[in-house]
Protein backbone atom coordinates (compact mmCIF):
# COMPACT_ATOMS: atom_id res chain seq x y z
CA MET A 1 -0.04 -0.08 -0.03
CA LYS A 2 1.21 3.45 -0.78
CA GLY A 3 0.80 6.45 1.35
CA ASP A 4 -0.40 6.46 4.91
CA LYS A 5 -3.74 4.83 4.44
CA LEU A 6 -5.81 2.48 2.37
CA GLN A 7 -8.35 4.31 0.48
CA ALA A 8 -11.54 2.75 -0.50
CA LYS A 9 -11.44 1.66 -4.14
CA ALA A 10 -14.03 0.39 -6.71
CA PRO A 11 -14.25 -3.42 -6.75
CA ILE A 12 -12.39 -5.35 -9.47
CA THR A 13 -14.41 -6.71 -12.24
CA ILE A 14 -13.66 -9.83 -14.27
CA SER A 15 -15.64 -12.39 -16.19
CA ARG A 16 -15.43 -15.16 -13.73
CA PRO A 17 -17.78 -16.02 -10.76
CA GLN A 18 -15.54 -14.84 -8.00
CA ASP A 19 -17.09 -13.66 -4.67
CA LEU A 20 -17.32 -14.92 -1.26
CA LEU A 21 -19.26 -11.97 0.17
CA PRO A 22 -22.51 -12.70 1.83
CA ASP A 23 -25.53 -10.83 0.43
CA ASP A 24 -23.47 -8.55 -1.75
CA THR A 25 -23.22 -9.85 -5.12
CA VAL A 26 -24.85 -8.25 -8.18
CA ALA A 27 -25.67 -10.69 -11.02
CA SER A 28 -25.67 -9.70 -14.60
CA GLU A 29 -25.71 -11.48 -18.06
CA GLU A 30 -22.90 -11.14 -20.61
CA SER A 31 -22.92 -11.97 -24.18
CA GLY A 32 -24.51 -15.40 -24.91
CA ASN A 33 -25.77 -16.98 -21.77
CA ARG A 34 -22.49 -16.62 -19.74
CA HIS A 35 -23.23 -15.48 -16.27
CA LYS A 36 -20.82 -13.43 -13.97
CA LEU A 37 -20.68 -11.91 -10.62
CA ASP A 38 -19.60 -8.26 -11.00
CA THR A 39 -17.98 -7.97 -7.65
CA ILE A 40 -14.81 -9.90 -7.05
CA ILE A 41 -12.96 -9.58 -3.75
CA GLY A 42 -10.15 -12.23 -3.62
CA GLN A 43 -6.94 -12.22 -5.56
CA SER A 44 -5.00 -14.61 -3.51
CA ALA A 45 -3.71 -17.87 -5.29
CA ILE A 46 -5.75 -20.07 -3.14
CA MET A 47 -8.95 -18.18 -4.04
CA GLN A 48 -8.07 -18.26 -7.76
CA GLU A 49 -7.98 -22.04 -7.51
CA VAL A 50 -11.48 -22.14 -6.05
CA PHE A 51 -12.76 -19.87 -8.78
CA GLU A 52 -11.20 -22.05 -11.52
CA LEU A 53 -12.90 -25.18 -9.97
CA VAL A 54 -16.20 -23.34 -10.02
CA GLU A 55 -15.98 -22.75 -13.67
CA LYS A 56 -14.94 -26.42 -14.38
CA VAL A 57 -17.79 -28.04 -12.43
CA ALA A 58 -20.60 -25.49 -12.86
CA ASN A 59 -22.22 -26.87 -16.01
CA SER A 60 -22.10 -30.53 -14.93
CA ASP A 61 -24.68 -32.29 -12.86
CA SER A 62 -22.22 -33.85 -10.50
CA THR A 63 -22.95 -33.86 -6.80
CA ILE A 64 -20.69 -31.30 -4.92
CA ILE A 65 -19.84 -31.24 -1.18
CA ILE A 66 -18.33 -27.90 0.07
CA TYR A 67 -16.28 -27.82 3.17
CA GLY A 68 -15.30 -24.66 5.09
CA GLU A 69 -15.58 -22.86 8.34
CA THR A 70 -18.59 -20.84 9.31
CA GLY A 71 -18.55 -17.48 7.33
CA THR A 72 -16.19 -18.57 4.56
CA GLY A 73 -18.95 -18.24 1.90
CA LYS A 74 -20.07 -21.81 1.11
CA GLY A 75 -23.60 -20.61 0.12
CA LEU A 76 -22.15 -18.09 -2.16
CA ILE A 77 -20.12 -20.65 -3.93
CA ALA A 78 -23.06 -22.99 -4.26
CA ARG A 79 -25.06 -20.18 -5.73
CA ALA A 80 -22.20 -19.29 -8.16
CA ILE A 81 -22.11 -22.86 -9.29
CA HIS A 82 -25.84 -22.82 -9.91
CA LYS A 83 -25.80 -19.47 -11.82
CA ASN A 84 -23.08 -20.52 -14.10
CA SER A 85 -24.89 -23.87 -15.01
CA TYR A 86 -27.41 -24.64 -17.62
CA ARG A 87 -29.90 -24.70 -14.73
CA ARG A 88 -29.40 -21.02 -13.94
CA ASP A 89 -32.98 -20.05 -14.95
CA LYS A 90 -34.53 -22.70 -12.59
CA PRO A 91 -34.88 -22.51 -8.93
CA PHE A 92 -31.92 -22.40 -6.49
CA VAL A 93 -33.34 -23.66 -3.16
CA GLN A 94 -31.35 -23.51 0.11
CA VAL A 95 -32.02 -25.54 3.15
CA ASN A 96 -30.08 -25.13 6.43
CA CYS A 97 -30.21 -28.58 7.80
CA GLY A 98 -28.65 -27.44 11.16
CA ALA A 99 -31.11 -24.69 11.84
CA ILE A 100 -34.47 -26.55 11.38
CA PRO A 101 -35.67 -28.80 14.18
CA GLU A 102 -35.26 -32.43 13.28
CA ASN A 103 -39.01 -33.28 13.57
CA LEU A 104 -39.64 -30.48 11.03
CA LEU A 105 -36.79 -30.97 8.69
CA GLU A 106 -38.32 -34.15 6.91
CA SER A 107 -41.49 -32.15 6.04
CA GLU A 108 -39.36 -29.23 4.97
CA LEU A 109 -37.28 -31.28 2.52
CA PHE A 110 -40.01 -33.72 1.21
CA GLY A 111 -43.21 -31.92 1.96
CA HIS A 112 -46.18 -33.61 3.64
CA MET A 113 -49.80 -34.65 2.99
CA ARG A 114 -52.89 -33.33 4.69
CA GLY A 115 -53.35 -35.01 8.04
CA ALA A 116 -49.78 -36.28 8.20
CA PHE A 117 -49.36 -34.65 11.68
CA THR A 118 -51.08 -32.11 13.89
CA GLY A 119 -51.28 -28.81 12.11
CA ALA A 120 -50.99 -30.34 8.51
CA THR A 121 -54.15 -28.87 7.21
CA SER A 122 -53.30 -29.17 3.68
CA ASP A 123 -50.87 -30.83 1.25
CA LYS A 124 -47.54 -29.04 1.11
CA PRO A 125 -44.74 -29.48 -1.38
CA GLY A 126 -41.17 -29.71 0.01
CA LYS A 127 -37.82 -28.01 -0.92
CA PHE A 128 -37.01 -30.93 -3.28
CA GLU A 129 -40.19 -30.48 -5.37
CA ARG A 130 -39.63 -26.73 -5.45
CA ALA A 131 -36.06 -27.17 -6.71
CA ASP A 132 -37.21 -29.53 -9.54
CA ARG A 133 -35.01 -28.82 -12.70
CA GLY A 134 -32.84 -26.56 -10.57
CA THR A 135 -30.38 -26.89 -7.62
CA ILE A 136 -31.03 -27.65 -3.95
CA PHE A 137 -28.29 -26.62 -1.51
CA LEU A 138 -28.19 -28.66 1.74
CA ASP A 139 -26.25 -26.49 4.10
CA GLU A 140 -24.82 -28.02 7.21
CA ILE A 141 -25.65 -31.52 6.12
CA GLY A 142 -23.26 -32.95 8.72
CA ASP A 143 -25.92 -31.97 11.39
CA MET A 144 -28.56 -34.20 9.76
CA SER A 145 -29.90 -37.19 11.74
CA PRO A 146 -29.24 -40.68 10.66
CA ASP A 147 -32.94 -41.36 9.70
CA LEU A 148 -32.86 -38.39 7.34
CA GLN A 149 -29.49 -39.43 5.99
CA VAL A 150 -31.24 -42.68 4.65
CA LYS A 151 -33.83 -40.69 2.77
CA ILE A 152 -31.26 -38.14 1.36
CA LEU A 153 -29.25 -41.17 0.21
CA ARG A 154 -32.40 -42.51 -1.70
CA VAL A 155 -32.89 -39.11 -3.42
CA LEU A 156 -29.31 -39.10 -4.45
CA GLU A 157 -29.54 -42.75 -5.91
CA GLU A 158 -33.04 -42.60 -7.40
CA ARG A 159 -34.06 -39.05 -7.50
CA GLU A 160 -37.41 -39.91 -5.89
CA PHE A 161 -39.03 -39.74 -2.53
CA GLU A 162 -42.49 -39.62 -0.73
CA ARG A 163 -44.03 -36.76 1.16
CA VAL A 164 -44.53 -37.25 4.89
CA GLY A 165 -47.78 -39.23 5.25
CA GLY A 166 -47.85 -40.03 1.60
CA THR A 167 -47.36 -43.28 -0.39
CA LYS A 168 -46.82 -42.02 -3.93
CA SER A 169 -43.28 -41.68 -5.11
CA ILE A 170 -42.37 -38.31 -6.50
CA SER A 171 -39.61 -38.00 -9.07
CA VAL A 172 -37.40 -34.91 -9.34
CA ASP A 173 -34.58 -33.67 -11.43
CA VAL A 174 -32.28 -31.62 -9.19
CA ARG A 175 -28.64 -31.10 -8.74
CA ILE A 176 -27.58 -31.46 -5.09
CA ILE A 177 -24.90 -29.28 -3.61
CA ALA A 178 -24.20 -29.95 0.10
CA ALA A 179 -22.02 -28.04 2.62
CA THR A 180 -20.72 -28.52 6.07
CA HIS A 181 -18.15 -27.05 8.58
CA ARG A 182 -18.00 -30.63 10.05
CA ASP A 183 -15.19 -33.23 9.44
CA LEU A 184 -17.38 -35.74 7.71
CA GLU A 185 -14.73 -38.34 7.50
CA GLU A 186 -14.44 -38.25 11.28
CA LYS A 187 -18.05 -38.58 11.63
CA VAL A 188 -18.00 -41.59 9.40
CA ARG A 189 -15.30 -43.13 11.64
CA LYS A 190 -17.54 -42.39 14.71
CA GLU A 191 -20.46 -43.89 12.84
CA THR A 192 -22.63 -40.64 13.23
CA PHE A 193 -22.65 -40.23 9.44
CA ARG A 194 -23.38 -42.83 6.88
CA GLU A 195 -20.47 -44.00 4.92
CA ASP A 196 -22.53 -44.79 1.72
CA LEU A 197 -23.99 -41.19 1.92
CA PHE A 198 -20.53 -39.68 2.42
CA TYR A 199 -19.30 -41.34 -0.80
CA ARG A 200 -22.41 -40.31 -2.77
CA LEU A 201 -21.75 -36.68 -1.66
CA HIS A 202 -18.07 -36.79 -2.20
CA VAL A 203 -18.15 -36.72 -5.98
CA ILE A 204 -16.53 -33.20 -6.26
CA PRO A 205 -15.30 -31.85 -3.02
CA PHE A 206 -14.53 -28.12 -2.42
CA THR A 207 -12.51 -26.70 0.54
CA LEU A 208 -12.92 -23.07 1.12
CA PRO A 209 -10.00 -21.46 2.95
CA PRO A 210 -10.54 -19.55 6.08
CA LEU A 211 -9.76 -15.89 5.92
CA ARG A 212 -6.63 -16.23 7.90
CA GLU A 213 -5.17 -18.22 5.08
CA ARG A 214 -5.91 -15.59 2.46
CA LYS A 215 -4.56 -12.51 4.26
CA SER A 216 -3.75 -10.75 1.10
CA ASP A 217 -7.45 -10.47 0.37
CA ILE A 218 -8.14 -8.52 3.60
CA PRO A 219 -7.27 -4.96 2.44
CA LEU A 220 -9.60 -5.52 -0.77
CA LEU A 221 -12.42 -6.88 1.48
CA VAL A 222 -12.07 -3.99 3.96
CA SER A 223 -12.01 -1.47 1.05
CA HIS A 224 -15.16 -3.08 -0.56
CA PHE A 225 -17.22 -3.27 2.62
CA MET A 226 -16.24 0.33 3.63
CA GLU A 227 -17.41 1.72 0.31
CA GLN A 228 -20.59 -0.41 0.64
CA PHE A 229 -21.46 0.84 4.12
CA ASP A 230 -20.50 4.41 3.50
CA LYS A 231 -23.31 4.47 0.86
CA LYS A 232 -25.69 2.40 2.80
CA LYS A 233 -25.30 4.30 6.18
CA LYS A 234 -24.62 7.62 4.59
CA LYS A 235 -21.30 8.02 6.14
CA GLU A 236 -17.94 9.46 4.90
CA VAL A 237 -15.25 7.13 6.24
CA GLN A 238 -12.44 7.60 3.62
CA GLY A 239 -9.94 4.78 4.45
CA VAL A 240 -7.89 2.76 6.94
CA SER A 241 -4.42 3.64 8.17
CA ASP A 242 -1.61 1.44 7.49
CA LYS A 243 -1.25 0.47 11.16
CA ALA A 244 -4.90 -0.30 11.47
CA ILE A 245 -5.00 -2.44 8.34
CA ASN A 246 -1.77 -4.28 9.53
CA ILE A 247 -3.63 -5.14 12.80
CA MET A 248 -6.59 -6.41 10.89
CA ILE A 249 -4.44 -8.48 8.64
CA GLU A 250 -2.77 -10.24 11.68
CA TYR A 251 -6.01 -10.92 13.44
CA PRO A 252 -7.05 -14.59 12.88
CA TRP A 253 -10.75 -13.83 11.96
CA PRO A 254 -12.47 -16.87 13.51
CA GLY A 255 -15.74 -15.76 11.96
CA ASN A 256 -14.09 -15.33 8.55
CA VAL A 257 -15.58 -12.85 5.86
CA ARG A 258 -18.74 -12.72 7.73
CA GLU A 259 -17.03 -11.31 10.87
CA LEU A 260 -14.89 -9.05 8.89
CA LYS A 261 -18.13 -7.47 7.18
CA ASN A 262 -19.75 -6.95 10.53
CA ILE A 263 -16.69 -5.33 12.00
CA VAL A 264 -16.38 -2.92 9.12
CA GLU A 265 -20.00 -1.97 9.32
CA ARG A 266 -19.54 -1.28 13.09
CA LEU A 267 -16.49 0.79 12.25
CA VAL A 268 -18.23 2.86 9.60
CA VAL A 269 -21.22 3.57 11.74
CA LEU A 270 -19.22 4.62 14.87
CA LYS A 271 -16.49 6.62 13.08
CA GLY A 272 -18.86 8.38 10.67
CA GLU A 273 -16.12 10.16 8.78
CA GLY A 274 -12.30 10.33 8.39
CA THR A 275 -9.80 7.52 8.55
CA ILE A 276 -9.94 4.40 10.72
CA LEU A 277 -7.07 4.35 13.11
CA PRO A 278 -5.94 1.61 15.55
CA PRO A 279 -7.83 3.09 18.44
CA ASP A 280 -11.06 2.59 16.48
CA LEU A 281 -10.67 -1.21 16.25
CA PRO A 282 -12.61 -3.42 18.63
CA GLU A 283 -10.78 -4.73 21.63
CA SER A 284 -11.08 -8.37 20.24
CA ILE A 285 -9.02 -7.29 17.19
CA HIS A 286 -6.62 -4.76 18.59
CA GLY A 287 -5.61 -6.69 21.58
CA GLY A 288 -5.70 -3.51 23.80
CA ASN A 289 -2.30 -2.15 22.68
CA GLY A 290 -2.21 1.66 22.46
CA ARG A 291 -5.90 1.96 22.80
CA GLY A 292 -5.72 5.05 25.17
CA THR A 293 -9.20 5.80 26.70
CA SER A 294 -11.04 3.82 24.11
CA VAL A 295 -13.71 1.41 25.36
CA SER A 296 -14.89 -1.65 23.55
CA GLY A 297 -13.64 -0.13 20.21
CA ILE A 298 -15.51 3.07 20.67
CA GLU A 299 -13.45 6.21 21.00
CA LEU A 300 -14.92 9.38 22.49
CA THR A 301 -13.55 12.16 20.22
CA LYS A 302 -13.61 15.90 20.83
CA ASP A 303 -16.72 16.13 18.68
CA GLY A 304 -18.48 13.58 20.86
CA ILE A 305 -20.61 10.56 19.87
CA CYS A 306 -24.24 9.73 19.71
CA LEU A 307 -24.73 7.51 22.77
CA ASN A 308 -27.97 5.99 21.58
CA THR A 309 -26.29 4.89 18.27
CA ALA A 310 -23.28 3.55 19.94
CA VAL A 311 -25.46 1.58 22.44
CA SER A 312 -27.61 0.17 19.68
CA GLU A 313 -24.70 -0.96 17.57
CA PHE A 314 -23.14 -2.64 20.64
CA GLU A 315 -26.52 -4.42 21.33
CA LYS A 316 -26.89 -5.36 17.67
CA ALA A 317 -23.25 -6.86 17.67
CA LEU A 318 -23.85 -8.94 20.84
CA ILE A 319 -27.18 -10.34 19.57
CA PHE A 320 -25.54 -11.30 16.28
CA GLN A 321 -22.79 -13.02 18.09
CA SER A 322 -25.13 -14.93 20.19
CA LEU A 323 -27.11 -16.17 17.35
CA GLU A 324 -23.96 -17.19 15.41
CA LYS A 325 -22.72 -19.17 18.51
CA THR A 326 -25.93 -20.97 18.67
CA GLN A 327 -26.47 -21.45 14.89
CA TRP A 328 -29.38 -19.19 15.07
CA VAL A 329 -31.34 -21.15 17.55
CA LYS A 330 -33.19 -18.40 19.22
CA ASN A 331 -33.96 -20.19 22.50
CA LYS A 332 -30.26 -20.80 23.16
CA ALA A 333 -29.25 -17.31 21.98
CA ALA A 334 -31.70 -15.86 24.36
CA LYS A 335 -30.31 -17.86 27.26
CA LEU A 336 -26.77 -16.57 26.36
CA LEU A 337 -28.01 -13.06 26.61
CA HIS A 338 -30.28 -13.70 29.66
CA LEU A 339 -33.25 -12.51 27.69
CA ASN A 340 -36.75 -13.93 27.18
CA ARG A 341 -37.12 -15.40 23.68
CA THR A 342 -39.89 -12.92 22.63
CA THR A 343 -37.74 -10.05 23.72
CA LEU A 344 -34.85 -11.35 21.63
CA VAL A 345 -37.18 -11.92 18.54
CA GLU A 346 -38.36 -8.30 18.83
CA LYS A 347 -34.71 -7.10 18.81
CA ILE A 348 -33.82 -9.17 15.87
CA LYS A 349 -36.68 -7.73 13.91
CA ARG A 350 -35.79 -4.16 14.99
CA TYR A 351 -32.25 -4.48 13.81
CA ASP A 352 -33.24 -6.54 10.78
CA LEU A 353 -30.75 -9.22 11.51
CA GLN A 354 -30.52 -12.06 8.98
CA GLN A 355 -28.60 -15.23 8.83
CA CYS A 356 -25.86 -14.93 6.22
CA SER A 357 -24.91 -17.65 3.71
CA SER A 358 -22.22 -20.12 4.86
């Protein structure tokens, strides 16, 4: 980097599906039917390998399993594969197998017939039917129960299933992409994941690198998110000092790109304008060195700060952290925060918090 700070720059554009940024991609059609993602944040060699693999496998119907830590962008890669395939104009249906209670997941996947269980007042198609001729993305498949694993195996082998409470077999034409942050081989050894299902899924494996293994991408990611939140929040943060960006590069980012995005949003909102300096960084990233009188990443400048905004952003960050730690199970998140579930749900709605793609 030149000069004394990293200035926000326009994202680099290329004609390949390169992006691991939750909820921020803009799709467009090029000449012919080639699809691209206009925003690319990731020039590291390891990410270039991932992008090349996306191009190679996108237009096939081979089953794919994506491995990677939480927040690395597994859902975005799955969507990029779909959007660059001949199925691009058909549905892309995502199911988080770890977030839906086990007793509801079967109905969510395969649908149910009227009267199949209490509350089933009408026939309802499941995610597999809705994904017909398109792609279904089974996120966190490593958390699926053994009973459901058997039924997923049948769909992989025969492309058919029955609704809950039904007897008629339903055939579908879907491409299956699965993802997990678990070590499935270890789960197979422990007999908590079916070996035959593992090999059915393991046709084309992807492994997404954690952010700490692609540090050269961090300045680009920070610049992109800063520009994005400046516009969204109507702020005028102009850049990040060399010292601050170096601290961010050295931080291990356990929450990966998702954590980085949330931190940049927080910095933009609290700073408002000017250049991000080391004292502006949260305690968890900065480690407390040279922070002066800053508290929890908030610095009281000579111009003062809006207390209500600072408190709201701090509350929002804690709520999001509790939801991430509990895989968005609201009862568990409420217990972590010593709140009633209804109070937590109200705050989630108020802050418009949404679960990002893996």
